[in-house]
N, C-alpha and C. Protein backbone atom coordinates (compact mmCIF):
# COMPACT_ATOMS: atom_id res chain seq x y z
N PHE A 1 -4.57 -20.07 5.21
CA PHE A 1 -3.75 -20.13 6.42
C PHE A 1 -4.34 -19.22 7.49
N GLU A 2 -3.91 -19.45 8.75
CA GLU A 2 -4.35 -18.62 9.86
C GLU A 2 -3.35 -17.49 10.08
N TYR A 3 -3.85 -16.28 10.28
CA TYR A 3 -2.98 -15.14 10.55
C TYR A 3 -3.64 -14.24 11.57
N LYS A 4 -3.05 -14.15 12.76
CA LYS A 4 -3.57 -13.30 13.84
C LYS A 4 -5.06 -13.56 14.10
N GLY A 5 -5.40 -14.84 14.15
CA GLY A 5 -6.77 -15.22 14.47
C GLY A 5 -7.75 -15.12 13.32
N LYS A 6 -7.26 -14.81 12.13
CA LYS A 6 -8.14 -14.71 10.96
C LYS A 6 -7.77 -15.79 9.95
N LYS A 7 -8.77 -16.33 9.30
CA LYS A 7 -8.51 -17.28 8.22
C LYS A 7 -8.37 -16.48 6.92
N VAL A 8 -7.21 -16.63 6.28
CA VAL A 8 -6.92 -15.88 5.06
C VAL A 8 -6.79 -16.84 3.89
N ASN A 9 -7.49 -16.55 2.81
CA ASN A 9 -7.34 -17.32 1.58
C ASN A 9 -6.75 -16.41 0.51
N ILE A 10 -5.58 -16.79 -0.02
CA ILE A 10 -4.96 -16.02 -1.09
C ILE A 10 -5.10 -16.77 -2.40
N LEU A 11 -5.67 -16.11 -3.39
CA LEU A 11 -5.77 -16.67 -4.74
C LEU A 11 -4.74 -15.93 -5.59
N ASP A 12 -3.62 -16.58 -5.85
CA ASP A 12 -2.52 -15.94 -6.56
C ASP A 12 -2.71 -16.13 -8.05
N THR A 13 -2.80 -15.02 -8.78
CA THR A 13 -3.05 -15.09 -10.22
C THR A 13 -1.86 -14.55 -11.00
N PRO A 14 -1.59 -15.10 -12.19
CA PRO A 14 -0.50 -14.59 -13.01
C PRO A 14 -0.82 -13.18 -13.51
N GLY A 15 0.20 -12.37 -13.65
CA GLY A 15 -0.02 -11.02 -14.17
C GLY A 15 0.04 -10.95 -15.68
N HIS A 16 0.50 -12.02 -16.32
CA HIS A 16 0.69 -11.99 -17.77
C HIS A 16 -0.65 -11.97 -18.51
N LYS A 17 -0.69 -11.22 -19.60
CA LYS A 17 -1.95 -11.05 -20.34
C LYS A 17 -2.49 -12.37 -20.91
N ASP A 18 -1.62 -13.35 -21.13
CA ASP A 18 -2.08 -14.63 -21.66
C ASP A 18 -3.03 -15.35 -20.70
N PHE A 19 -2.96 -14.99 -19.41
CA PHE A 19 -3.80 -15.63 -18.39
C PHE A 19 -4.88 -14.68 -17.88
N ALA A 20 -5.15 -13.63 -18.65
CA ALA A 20 -6.07 -12.58 -18.20
C ALA A 20 -7.45 -13.12 -17.86
N GLU A 21 -7.98 -14.00 -18.69
CA GLU A 21 -9.33 -14.51 -18.45
C GLU A 21 -9.42 -15.28 -17.14
N ASP A 22 -8.35 -16.05 -16.82
CA ASP A 22 -8.32 -16.77 -15.54
C ASP A 22 -8.34 -15.79 -14.38
N THR A 23 -7.59 -14.72 -14.52
CA THR A 23 -7.53 -13.70 -13.47
C THR A 23 -8.88 -13.02 -13.30
N TYR A 24 -9.52 -12.67 -14.40
CA TYR A 24 -10.83 -12.01 -14.32
C TYR A 24 -11.86 -12.92 -13.63
N ARG A 25 -11.80 -14.22 -13.93
CA ARG A 25 -12.73 -15.15 -13.28
C ARG A 25 -12.45 -15.23 -11.77
N THR A 26 -11.18 -15.20 -11.41
CA THR A 26 -10.81 -15.26 -9.99
C THR A 26 -11.38 -14.07 -9.22
N LEU A 27 -11.45 -12.91 -9.88
CA LEU A 27 -11.94 -11.71 -9.22
C LEU A 27 -13.39 -11.82 -8.76
N THR A 28 -14.13 -12.79 -9.33
CA THR A 28 -15.52 -12.96 -8.92
C THR A 28 -15.62 -13.64 -7.55
N ALA A 29 -14.49 -14.19 -7.05
CA ALA A 29 -14.54 -14.98 -5.82
C ALA A 29 -13.80 -14.34 -4.65
N VAL A 30 -13.35 -13.09 -4.81
CA VAL A 30 -12.53 -12.49 -3.75
C VAL A 30 -13.22 -11.29 -3.10
N ASP A 31 -12.78 -10.99 -1.87
CA ASP A 31 -13.30 -9.84 -1.14
C ASP A 31 -12.49 -8.58 -1.41
N SER A 32 -11.21 -8.76 -1.76
CA SER A 32 -10.33 -7.63 -2.00
C SER A 32 -9.16 -8.07 -2.86
N VAL A 33 -8.40 -7.11 -3.35
CA VAL A 33 -7.31 -7.40 -4.29
C VAL A 33 -6.04 -6.67 -3.86
N ILE A 34 -4.92 -7.37 -3.99
CA ILE A 34 -3.61 -6.73 -3.85
C ILE A 34 -2.99 -6.71 -5.25
N LEU A 35 -2.88 -5.51 -5.83
CA LEU A 35 -2.23 -5.37 -7.12
C LEU A 35 -0.74 -5.19 -6.88
N VAL A 36 0.07 -6.04 -7.49
CA VAL A 36 1.52 -5.99 -7.29
C VAL A 36 2.16 -5.25 -8.47
N VAL A 37 2.91 -4.19 -8.14
CA VAL A 37 3.58 -3.38 -9.16
C VAL A 37 5.09 -3.54 -9.00
N ASP A 38 5.76 -3.86 -10.08
CA ASP A 38 7.22 -3.98 -10.08
C ASP A 38 7.81 -2.58 -9.98
N CYS A 39 8.65 -2.35 -8.94
CA CYS A 39 9.14 -0.98 -8.71
C CYS A 39 10.21 -0.56 -9.71
N VAL A 40 10.64 -1.45 -10.57
CA VAL A 40 11.56 -1.08 -11.64
C VAL A 40 10.77 -0.72 -12.90
N LYS A 41 9.77 -1.56 -13.22
CA LYS A 41 8.98 -1.36 -14.43
C LYS A 41 7.84 -0.35 -14.24
N GLY A 42 7.35 -0.23 -13.00
CA GLY A 42 6.19 0.61 -12.77
C GLY A 42 4.92 -0.08 -13.24
N VAL A 43 3.84 0.68 -13.40
CA VAL A 43 2.55 0.11 -13.82
C VAL A 43 2.64 -0.36 -15.26
N GLU A 44 2.20 -1.60 -15.51
CA GLU A 44 2.20 -2.15 -16.86
C GLU A 44 0.77 -2.21 -17.39
N GLU A 45 0.66 -2.48 -18.68
CA GLU A 45 -0.64 -2.44 -19.36
C GLU A 45 -1.66 -3.38 -18.72
N GLN A 46 -1.22 -4.59 -18.39
CA GLN A 46 -2.15 -5.56 -17.80
C GLN A 46 -2.64 -5.10 -16.42
N THR A 47 -1.77 -4.41 -15.69
CA THR A 47 -2.16 -3.89 -14.37
C THR A 47 -3.29 -2.88 -14.52
N GLU A 48 -3.20 -2.04 -15.55
CA GLU A 48 -4.25 -1.06 -15.82
C GLU A 48 -5.58 -1.77 -16.08
N ARG A 49 -5.53 -2.84 -16.87
CA ARG A 49 -6.75 -3.57 -17.19
C ARG A 49 -7.36 -4.19 -15.94
N LEU A 50 -6.50 -4.77 -15.10
CA LEU A 50 -7.00 -5.39 -13.87
C LEU A 50 -7.62 -4.35 -12.94
N MET A 51 -7.01 -3.19 -12.86
CA MET A 51 -7.55 -2.12 -12.02
C MET A 51 -8.94 -1.70 -12.54
N ALA A 52 -9.08 -1.62 -13.85
CA ALA A 52 -10.37 -1.25 -14.43
C ALA A 52 -11.44 -2.27 -14.07
N VAL A 53 -11.08 -3.56 -14.10
CA VAL A 53 -12.04 -4.61 -13.75
C VAL A 53 -12.40 -4.51 -12.27
N CYS A 54 -11.39 -4.28 -11.41
CA CYS A 54 -11.65 -4.15 -9.97
C CYS A 54 -12.60 -2.99 -9.69
N ARG A 55 -12.39 -1.89 -10.38
CA ARG A 55 -13.26 -0.72 -10.16
C ARG A 55 -14.66 -0.99 -10.68
N MET A 56 -14.76 -1.70 -11.79
CA MET A 56 -16.07 -2.04 -12.35
C MET A 56 -16.84 -2.94 -11.38
N ARG A 57 -16.11 -3.84 -10.69
CA ARG A 57 -16.75 -4.77 -9.76
C ARG A 57 -16.83 -4.20 -8.34
N ASN A 58 -16.34 -2.96 -8.14
CA ASN A 58 -16.31 -2.33 -6.80
C ASN A 58 -15.54 -3.17 -5.79
N THR A 59 -14.41 -3.72 -6.23
CA THR A 59 -13.57 -4.54 -5.36
C THR A 59 -12.48 -3.67 -4.73
N PRO A 60 -12.36 -3.66 -3.41
CA PRO A 60 -11.32 -2.85 -2.76
C PRO A 60 -9.92 -3.30 -3.19
N VAL A 61 -9.02 -2.33 -3.34
CA VAL A 61 -7.67 -2.62 -3.85
C VAL A 61 -6.60 -2.01 -2.96
N ILE A 62 -5.57 -2.81 -2.68
CA ILE A 62 -4.32 -2.32 -2.10
C ILE A 62 -3.24 -2.51 -3.17
N VAL A 63 -2.39 -1.51 -3.36
CA VAL A 63 -1.30 -1.63 -4.32
C VAL A 63 0.00 -1.87 -3.57
N PHE A 64 0.71 -2.92 -3.93
CA PHE A 64 1.99 -3.25 -3.29
C PHE A 64 3.12 -3.06 -4.30
N VAL A 65 3.99 -2.09 -4.02
CA VAL A 65 5.15 -1.83 -4.88
C VAL A 65 6.25 -2.80 -4.45
N ASN A 66 6.49 -3.79 -5.27
CA ASN A 66 7.37 -4.91 -4.92
C ASN A 66 8.78 -4.74 -5.50
N LYS A 67 9.68 -5.59 -5.02
CA LYS A 67 11.07 -5.68 -5.51
C LYS A 67 11.87 -4.42 -5.22
N MET A 68 11.62 -3.82 -4.05
CA MET A 68 12.37 -2.63 -3.66
C MET A 68 13.86 -2.89 -3.50
N ASP A 69 14.26 -4.16 -3.46
CA ASP A 69 15.67 -4.50 -3.32
C ASP A 69 16.37 -4.69 -4.67
N ARG A 70 15.65 -4.52 -5.76
CA ARG A 70 16.24 -4.73 -7.09
C ARG A 70 17.03 -3.51 -7.55
N ILE A 71 18.00 -3.75 -8.42
CA ILE A 71 18.74 -2.66 -9.04
C ILE A 71 17.78 -1.84 -9.90
N GLY A 72 17.81 -0.54 -9.74
CA GLY A 72 16.92 0.34 -10.49
C GLY A 72 15.59 0.61 -9.80
N ALA A 73 15.43 0.10 -8.57
CA ALA A 73 14.18 0.29 -7.84
C ALA A 73 13.93 1.77 -7.54
N SER A 74 12.70 2.21 -7.77
CA SER A 74 12.32 3.60 -7.45
C SER A 74 10.87 3.63 -7.01
N PHE A 75 10.66 3.85 -5.71
CA PHE A 75 9.31 3.93 -5.20
C PHE A 75 8.59 5.17 -5.74
N GLU A 76 9.30 6.31 -5.78
CA GLU A 76 8.67 7.55 -6.24
C GLU A 76 8.23 7.45 -7.69
N ARG A 77 9.08 6.87 -8.52
CA ARG A 77 8.72 6.71 -9.94
C ARG A 77 7.53 5.78 -10.09
N SER A 78 7.52 4.72 -9.29
CA SER A 78 6.40 3.77 -9.33
C SER A 78 5.11 4.44 -8.85
N TYR A 79 5.23 5.23 -7.78
CA TYR A 79 4.05 5.92 -7.23
C TYR A 79 3.46 6.89 -8.26
N GLU A 80 4.35 7.60 -8.96
CA GLU A 80 3.87 8.52 -10.00
C GLU A 80 3.14 7.76 -11.10
N SER A 81 3.66 6.58 -11.47
CA SER A 81 3.00 5.79 -12.52
C SER A 81 1.65 5.26 -12.03
N ILE A 82 1.55 4.97 -10.73
CA ILE A 82 0.28 4.52 -10.15
C ILE A 82 -0.76 5.64 -10.21
N LEU A 83 -0.35 6.84 -9.84
CA LEU A 83 -1.26 7.99 -9.89
C LEU A 83 -1.70 8.30 -11.32
N LYS A 84 -0.75 8.18 -12.24
CA LYS A 84 -1.04 8.53 -13.64
C LYS A 84 -1.83 7.47 -14.37
N ARG A 85 -1.50 6.17 -14.13
CA ARG A 85 -2.06 5.11 -14.96
C ARG A 85 -3.14 4.28 -14.26
N LEU A 86 -3.18 4.32 -12.91
CA LEU A 86 -4.20 3.53 -12.21
C LEU A 86 -5.30 4.41 -11.64
N SER A 87 -4.92 5.36 -10.77
CA SER A 87 -5.96 6.20 -10.15
C SER A 87 -5.33 7.35 -9.38
N ARG A 88 -5.96 8.52 -9.49
CA ARG A 88 -5.54 9.65 -8.67
C ARG A 88 -6.01 9.47 -7.23
N LYS A 89 -6.81 8.43 -6.99
CA LYS A 89 -7.27 8.14 -5.62
C LYS A 89 -6.27 7.29 -4.85
N ALA A 90 -5.18 6.89 -5.51
CA ALA A 90 -4.13 6.14 -4.82
C ALA A 90 -3.41 7.07 -3.84
N VAL A 91 -3.05 6.53 -2.69
CA VAL A 91 -2.32 7.33 -1.70
C VAL A 91 -1.33 6.44 -0.97
N ARG A 92 -0.10 6.90 -0.86
CA ARG A 92 0.92 6.08 -0.19
C ARG A 92 0.72 6.13 1.31
N ILE A 93 0.79 4.97 1.93
CA ILE A 93 0.68 4.90 3.39
C ILE A 93 2.02 4.49 4.00
N GLN A 94 3.00 4.31 3.14
CA GLN A 94 4.35 3.97 3.58
C GLN A 94 5.37 4.70 2.72
N LEU A 95 6.57 4.85 3.27
CA LEU A 95 7.74 5.24 2.50
C LEU A 95 8.80 4.16 2.72
N PRO A 96 9.54 3.78 1.68
CA PRO A 96 10.60 2.79 1.89
C PRO A 96 11.81 3.41 2.58
N ILE A 97 12.51 2.60 3.35
CA ILE A 97 13.77 3.01 3.95
C ILE A 97 14.87 2.45 3.05
N GLY A 98 15.43 3.30 2.22
CA GLY A 98 16.46 2.87 1.27
C GLY A 98 15.86 2.21 0.04
N ALA A 99 16.75 1.81 -0.86
CA ALA A 99 16.34 1.12 -2.09
C ALA A 99 17.51 0.29 -2.58
N GLU A 100 17.18 -0.60 -3.52
CA GLU A 100 18.18 -1.53 -4.07
C GLU A 100 18.83 -2.33 -2.94
N GLU A 101 20.16 -2.45 -2.93
CA GLU A 101 20.80 -3.26 -1.88
C GLU A 101 20.73 -2.60 -0.51
N ARG A 102 20.35 -1.34 -0.46
CA ARG A 102 20.23 -0.62 0.82
C ARG A 102 18.79 -0.59 1.34
N PHE A 103 17.89 -1.33 0.71
CA PHE A 103 16.51 -1.36 1.18
C PHE A 103 16.45 -2.09 2.53
N GLU A 104 15.95 -1.40 3.56
CA GLU A 104 15.95 -1.95 4.92
C GLU A 104 14.55 -2.24 5.45
N GLY A 105 13.59 -1.41 5.08
CA GLY A 105 12.25 -1.56 5.64
C GLY A 105 11.37 -0.43 5.18
N VAL A 106 10.33 -0.11 5.96
CA VAL A 106 9.38 0.93 5.56
C VAL A 106 9.00 1.80 6.75
N VAL A 107 8.52 2.98 6.41
CA VAL A 107 7.96 3.89 7.42
C VAL A 107 6.44 3.88 7.27
N ASP A 108 5.74 3.57 8.36
CA ASP A 108 4.27 3.64 8.40
C ASP A 108 3.91 5.10 8.63
N LEU A 109 3.25 5.72 7.65
CA LEU A 109 2.99 7.15 7.72
C LEU A 109 1.89 7.51 8.71
N LEU A 110 0.94 6.62 8.94
CA LEU A 110 -0.10 6.93 9.92
C LEU A 110 0.44 6.84 11.34
N LYS A 111 1.25 5.83 11.60
CA LYS A 111 1.81 5.65 12.95
C LYS A 111 3.12 6.41 13.13
N MET A 112 3.69 6.90 12.04
CA MET A 112 5.01 7.55 12.03
C MET A 112 6.01 6.67 12.79
N LYS A 113 6.12 5.44 12.30
CA LYS A 113 6.99 4.46 12.91
C LYS A 113 7.71 3.69 11.81
N ALA A 114 8.98 3.39 12.05
CA ALA A 114 9.75 2.62 11.07
C ALA A 114 9.68 1.13 11.41
N TYR A 115 9.64 0.30 10.38
CA TYR A 115 9.63 -1.14 10.58
C TYR A 115 10.72 -1.79 9.73
N ARG A 116 11.51 -2.64 10.40
CA ARG A 116 12.53 -3.43 9.71
C ARG A 116 12.21 -4.90 9.94
N PHE A 117 12.77 -5.75 9.08
CA PHE A 117 12.40 -7.16 9.07
C PHE A 117 13.66 -8.01 9.22
N GLU A 118 13.74 -8.68 10.36
CA GLU A 118 14.97 -9.37 10.72
C GLU A 118 14.76 -10.87 10.86
N GLY A 119 15.86 -11.59 11.11
CA GLY A 119 15.78 -13.04 11.27
C GLY A 119 15.68 -13.74 9.94
N GLU A 120 15.44 -15.04 9.99
CA GLU A 120 15.36 -15.84 8.77
C GLU A 120 14.19 -15.40 7.91
N MET A 121 14.47 -15.00 6.69
CA MET A 121 13.46 -14.53 5.73
C MET A 121 12.61 -13.39 6.29
N GLY A 122 13.22 -12.53 7.09
CA GLY A 122 12.52 -11.33 7.56
C GLY A 122 11.31 -11.59 8.43
N ILE A 123 11.32 -12.74 9.15
CA ILE A 123 10.12 -13.14 9.89
C ILE A 123 9.83 -12.25 11.10
N THR A 124 10.87 -11.61 11.65
CA THR A 124 10.69 -10.78 12.85
C THR A 124 10.53 -9.32 12.45
N VAL A 125 9.38 -8.74 12.79
CA VAL A 125 9.10 -7.33 12.50
C VAL A 125 9.55 -6.49 13.69
N VAL A 126 10.45 -5.55 13.44
CA VAL A 126 11.00 -4.73 14.50
C VAL A 126 10.63 -3.26 14.26
N GLY A 127 9.88 -2.67 15.20
CA GLY A 127 9.49 -1.27 15.09
C GLY A 127 10.50 -0.35 15.72
N GLY A 128 10.58 0.88 15.23
CA GLY A 128 11.52 1.84 15.78
C GLY A 128 11.22 3.25 15.30
N GLU A 129 12.14 4.14 15.57
CA GLU A 129 11.99 5.54 15.18
C GLU A 129 12.19 5.72 13.67
N VAL A 130 11.52 6.72 13.12
CA VAL A 130 11.72 7.07 11.71
C VAL A 130 13.14 7.62 11.55
N PRO A 131 13.92 7.10 10.59
CA PRO A 131 15.28 7.61 10.39
C PRO A 131 15.28 9.11 10.15
N GLU A 132 16.24 9.79 10.73
CA GLU A 132 16.29 11.25 10.63
C GLU A 132 16.27 11.74 9.19
N ALA A 133 16.96 11.03 8.31
CA ALA A 133 17.04 11.44 6.91
C ALA A 133 15.69 11.39 6.20
N LEU A 134 14.74 10.64 6.78
CA LEU A 134 13.43 10.49 6.15
C LEU A 134 12.32 11.29 6.84
N ARG A 135 12.65 11.91 7.96
CA ARG A 135 11.58 12.54 8.76
C ARG A 135 10.83 13.63 8.03
N GLU A 136 11.52 14.48 7.32
CA GLU A 136 10.85 15.58 6.63
C GLU A 136 9.96 15.06 5.51
N ALA A 137 10.48 14.11 4.72
CA ALA A 137 9.68 13.52 3.64
C ALA A 137 8.48 12.78 4.21
N ALA A 138 8.68 12.10 5.35
CA ALA A 138 7.58 11.36 5.98
C ALA A 138 6.51 12.31 6.51
N ARG A 139 6.94 13.42 7.11
CA ARG A 139 5.96 14.41 7.61
C ARG A 139 5.11 14.97 6.47
N LYS A 140 5.77 15.26 5.36
CA LYS A 140 5.06 15.81 4.20
C LYS A 140 4.08 14.79 3.62
N ALA A 141 4.54 13.54 3.46
CA ALA A 141 3.67 12.49 2.91
C ALA A 141 2.52 12.18 3.86
N ARG A 142 2.79 12.24 5.16
CA ARG A 142 1.75 11.98 6.15
C ARG A 142 0.66 13.05 6.10
N ALA A 143 1.07 14.30 5.96
CA ALA A 143 0.09 15.40 5.87
C ALA A 143 -0.80 15.21 4.65
N GLU A 144 -0.21 14.79 3.54
CA GLU A 144 -0.97 14.53 2.32
C GLU A 144 -1.96 13.38 2.54
N LEU A 145 -1.49 12.32 3.22
CA LEU A 145 -2.34 11.16 3.50
C LEU A 145 -3.53 11.56 4.39
N ILE A 146 -3.25 12.27 5.47
CA ILE A 146 -4.32 12.67 6.39
C ILE A 146 -5.35 13.55 5.68
N GLU A 147 -4.86 14.46 4.85
CA GLU A 147 -5.78 15.34 4.13
C GLU A 147 -6.72 14.54 3.23
N LYS A 148 -6.19 13.50 2.59
CA LYS A 148 -7.03 12.68 1.71
C LYS A 148 -8.03 11.84 2.51
N ILE A 149 -7.62 11.41 3.71
CA ILE A 149 -8.53 10.61 4.54
C ILE A 149 -9.67 11.45 5.07
N VAL A 150 -9.37 12.63 5.62
CA VAL A 150 -10.41 13.43 6.27
C VAL A 150 -11.45 13.96 5.28
N GLU A 151 -11.11 13.96 4.00
CA GLU A 151 -12.09 14.37 2.99
C GLU A 151 -13.33 13.49 2.99
N HIS A 152 -13.21 12.30 3.61
CA HIS A 152 -14.30 11.33 3.59
C HIS A 152 -15.10 11.30 4.90
N ASP A 153 -14.88 12.30 5.76
CA ASP A 153 -15.65 12.42 7.00
C ASP A 153 -15.74 13.90 7.37
N ASP A 154 -16.96 14.43 7.38
CA ASP A 154 -17.14 15.87 7.59
C ASP A 154 -16.61 16.34 8.94
N ALA A 155 -16.85 15.54 9.99
CA ALA A 155 -16.40 15.94 11.33
C ALA A 155 -14.88 15.97 11.41
N LEU A 156 -14.24 14.94 10.84
CA LEU A 156 -12.77 14.91 10.84
C LEU A 156 -12.20 16.05 10.03
N MET A 157 -12.83 16.34 8.90
CA MET A 157 -12.33 17.41 8.03
C MET A 157 -12.44 18.76 8.73
N THR A 158 -13.55 18.99 9.42
CA THR A 158 -13.72 20.25 10.15
C THR A 158 -12.66 20.39 11.23
N ALA A 159 -12.47 19.33 12.00
CA ALA A 159 -11.47 19.36 13.07
C ALA A 159 -10.07 19.57 12.50
N PHE A 160 -9.78 18.91 11.39
CA PHE A 160 -8.46 19.00 10.77
C PHE A 160 -8.15 20.43 10.35
N PHE A 161 -9.13 21.07 9.72
CA PHE A 161 -8.90 22.43 9.24
C PHE A 161 -8.97 23.47 10.36
N GLU A 162 -9.39 23.02 11.54
CA GLU A 162 -9.31 23.87 12.73
C GLU A 162 -7.99 23.66 13.47
N GLY A 163 -7.13 22.83 12.88
CA GLY A 163 -5.81 22.60 13.45
C GLY A 163 -5.73 21.45 14.43
N LYS A 164 -6.80 20.64 14.53
CA LYS A 164 -6.79 19.49 15.44
C LYS A 164 -6.54 18.21 14.63
N GLU A 165 -5.49 17.50 14.98
CA GLU A 165 -5.21 16.26 14.26
C GLU A 165 -6.08 15.14 14.82
N PRO A 166 -6.81 14.44 13.95
CA PRO A 166 -7.65 13.32 14.43
C PRO A 166 -6.79 12.21 15.03
N SER A 167 -7.40 11.41 15.88
CA SER A 167 -6.69 10.28 16.49
C SER A 167 -6.38 9.23 15.43
N TYR A 168 -5.41 8.37 15.75
CA TYR A 168 -5.07 7.27 14.84
C TYR A 168 -6.30 6.40 14.58
N GLU A 169 -7.04 6.10 15.65
CA GLU A 169 -8.21 5.22 15.53
C GLU A 169 -9.25 5.81 14.58
N ALA A 170 -9.51 7.12 14.71
CA ALA A 170 -10.50 7.78 13.86
C ALA A 170 -10.04 7.80 12.41
N LEU A 171 -8.75 8.05 12.19
CA LEU A 171 -8.21 8.06 10.83
C LEU A 171 -8.27 6.67 10.21
N ALA A 172 -7.88 5.65 11.00
CA ALA A 172 -7.87 4.28 10.48
C ALA A 172 -9.28 3.81 10.11
N GLN A 173 -10.25 4.16 10.96
CA GLN A 173 -11.64 3.75 10.70
C GLN A 173 -12.19 4.41 9.43
N THR A 174 -11.93 5.71 9.29
CA THR A 174 -12.39 6.44 8.11
C THR A 174 -11.68 5.95 6.86
N PHE A 175 -10.39 5.69 6.99
CA PHE A 175 -9.59 5.20 5.86
C PHE A 175 -10.12 3.85 5.39
N ARG A 176 -10.41 2.97 6.34
CA ARG A 176 -10.93 1.64 6.01
C ARG A 176 -12.23 1.75 5.20
N LYS A 177 -13.13 2.60 5.65
CA LYS A 177 -14.40 2.78 4.93
C LYS A 177 -14.16 3.29 3.50
N ALA A 178 -13.22 4.23 3.37
CA ALA A 178 -12.93 4.80 2.06
C ALA A 178 -12.32 3.76 1.12
N VAL A 179 -11.47 2.89 1.68
CA VAL A 179 -10.85 1.84 0.85
C VAL A 179 -11.90 0.82 0.42
N ILE A 180 -12.74 0.40 1.36
CA ILE A 180 -13.80 -0.57 1.03
C ILE A 180 -14.76 0.01 -0.01
N GLY A 181 -15.00 1.32 0.09
CA GLY A 181 -15.90 1.98 -0.86
C GLY A 181 -15.26 2.31 -2.20
N GLY A 182 -13.97 2.02 -2.35
CA GLY A 182 -13.28 2.32 -3.61
C GLY A 182 -12.96 3.79 -3.79
N ASP A 183 -12.95 4.54 -2.68
CA ASP A 183 -12.66 5.97 -2.76
C ASP A 183 -11.18 6.28 -2.55
N LEU A 184 -10.44 5.33 -1.98
CA LEU A 184 -8.99 5.47 -1.80
C LEU A 184 -8.33 4.11 -2.04
N PHE A 185 -7.10 4.16 -2.52
CA PHE A 185 -6.33 2.94 -2.77
C PHE A 185 -4.97 3.07 -2.10
N PRO A 186 -4.74 2.35 -0.99
CA PRO A 186 -3.46 2.47 -0.29
C PRO A 186 -2.31 1.91 -1.11
N VAL A 187 -1.16 2.57 -1.04
CA VAL A 187 0.03 2.11 -1.73
C VAL A 187 1.09 1.77 -0.69
N MET A 188 1.60 0.52 -0.75
CA MET A 188 2.59 0.03 0.20
C MET A 188 3.84 -0.39 -0.57
N ALA A 189 4.91 -0.72 0.17
CA ALA A 189 6.18 -1.04 -0.48
C ALA A 189 6.87 -2.19 0.22
N GLY A 190 7.75 -2.88 -0.51
CA GLY A 190 8.50 -3.95 0.13
C GLY A 190 9.20 -4.85 -0.87
N SER A 191 9.67 -5.98 -0.36
CA SER A 191 10.31 -7.01 -1.17
C SER A 191 9.73 -8.35 -0.76
N ALA A 192 8.86 -8.89 -1.59
CA ALA A 192 8.22 -10.17 -1.27
C ALA A 192 9.25 -11.29 -1.16
N LEU A 193 10.28 -11.24 -2.00
CA LEU A 193 11.30 -12.29 -2.00
C LEU A 193 11.97 -12.41 -0.63
N LYS A 194 12.20 -11.27 0.03
CA LYS A 194 12.89 -11.27 1.31
C LYS A 194 11.93 -11.05 2.49
N ASN A 195 10.63 -11.12 2.21
CA ASN A 195 9.61 -10.92 3.25
C ASN A 195 9.74 -9.58 3.96
N LYS A 196 10.16 -8.58 3.26
CA LYS A 196 10.24 -7.24 3.84
C LYS A 196 8.99 -6.47 3.46
N GLY A 197 8.13 -6.24 4.44
CA GLY A 197 6.89 -5.53 4.19
C GLY A 197 5.67 -6.41 4.02
N VAL A 198 5.87 -7.71 3.88
CA VAL A 198 4.75 -8.62 3.61
C VAL A 198 3.79 -8.70 4.78
N GLN A 199 4.33 -8.77 6.00
CA GLN A 199 3.45 -8.86 7.16
C GLN A 199 2.56 -7.61 7.27
N LEU A 200 3.10 -6.46 6.91
CA LEU A 200 2.33 -5.21 7.01
C LEU A 200 1.21 -5.18 5.95
N VAL A 201 1.47 -5.83 4.82
CA VAL A 201 0.41 -5.94 3.81
C VAL A 201 -0.72 -6.81 4.35
N LEU A 202 -0.38 -7.91 5.00
CA LEU A 202 -1.40 -8.78 5.59
C LEU A 202 -2.18 -8.02 6.67
N ASP A 203 -1.49 -7.24 7.48
CA ASP A 203 -2.16 -6.42 8.49
C ASP A 203 -3.14 -5.46 7.85
N ALA A 204 -2.71 -4.83 6.76
CA ALA A 204 -3.56 -3.86 6.06
C ALA A 204 -4.79 -4.55 5.48
């Protein structure tokens, strides 16, 4: 399909281990991978295997923590399982706004902007201010994200430790290179069923 002037091909593969060989073969034909993690179950055994194959093939990976609207959803618990079972190079670039039936949208940590998804099936993306209740957590997570990004560019790192925050453009460019090189793995959140966060995954 066409998306913002780009032709996108999605090869959707089953996560079940019975179809593992089909999934591994599919990985030979893709430019990048979105690993979907259930935010109730966290990282599962098959996800670990797929991540290992992606790293072996040097395939860039984005991790999408899905089903944030489900009962028992926990982004923090899922993120911890990603760090522990997939890679310490994973870094969250979003925080969810609410969880379970109160899941509303996400905070983009680089832009420090909140996004909600309105209209039929969440088709309209609406940007706004970060909710006050999330501002402190977002500031802390953003500082962690920036620190991990600047580690991959000497000039940015020097400026950062001199107290100068790099521009969004410089951070995004460096982050992109690190993701393509397999040095960082962005972690995003949402609910695919309700199209909350899906557009931002496509943008990423």
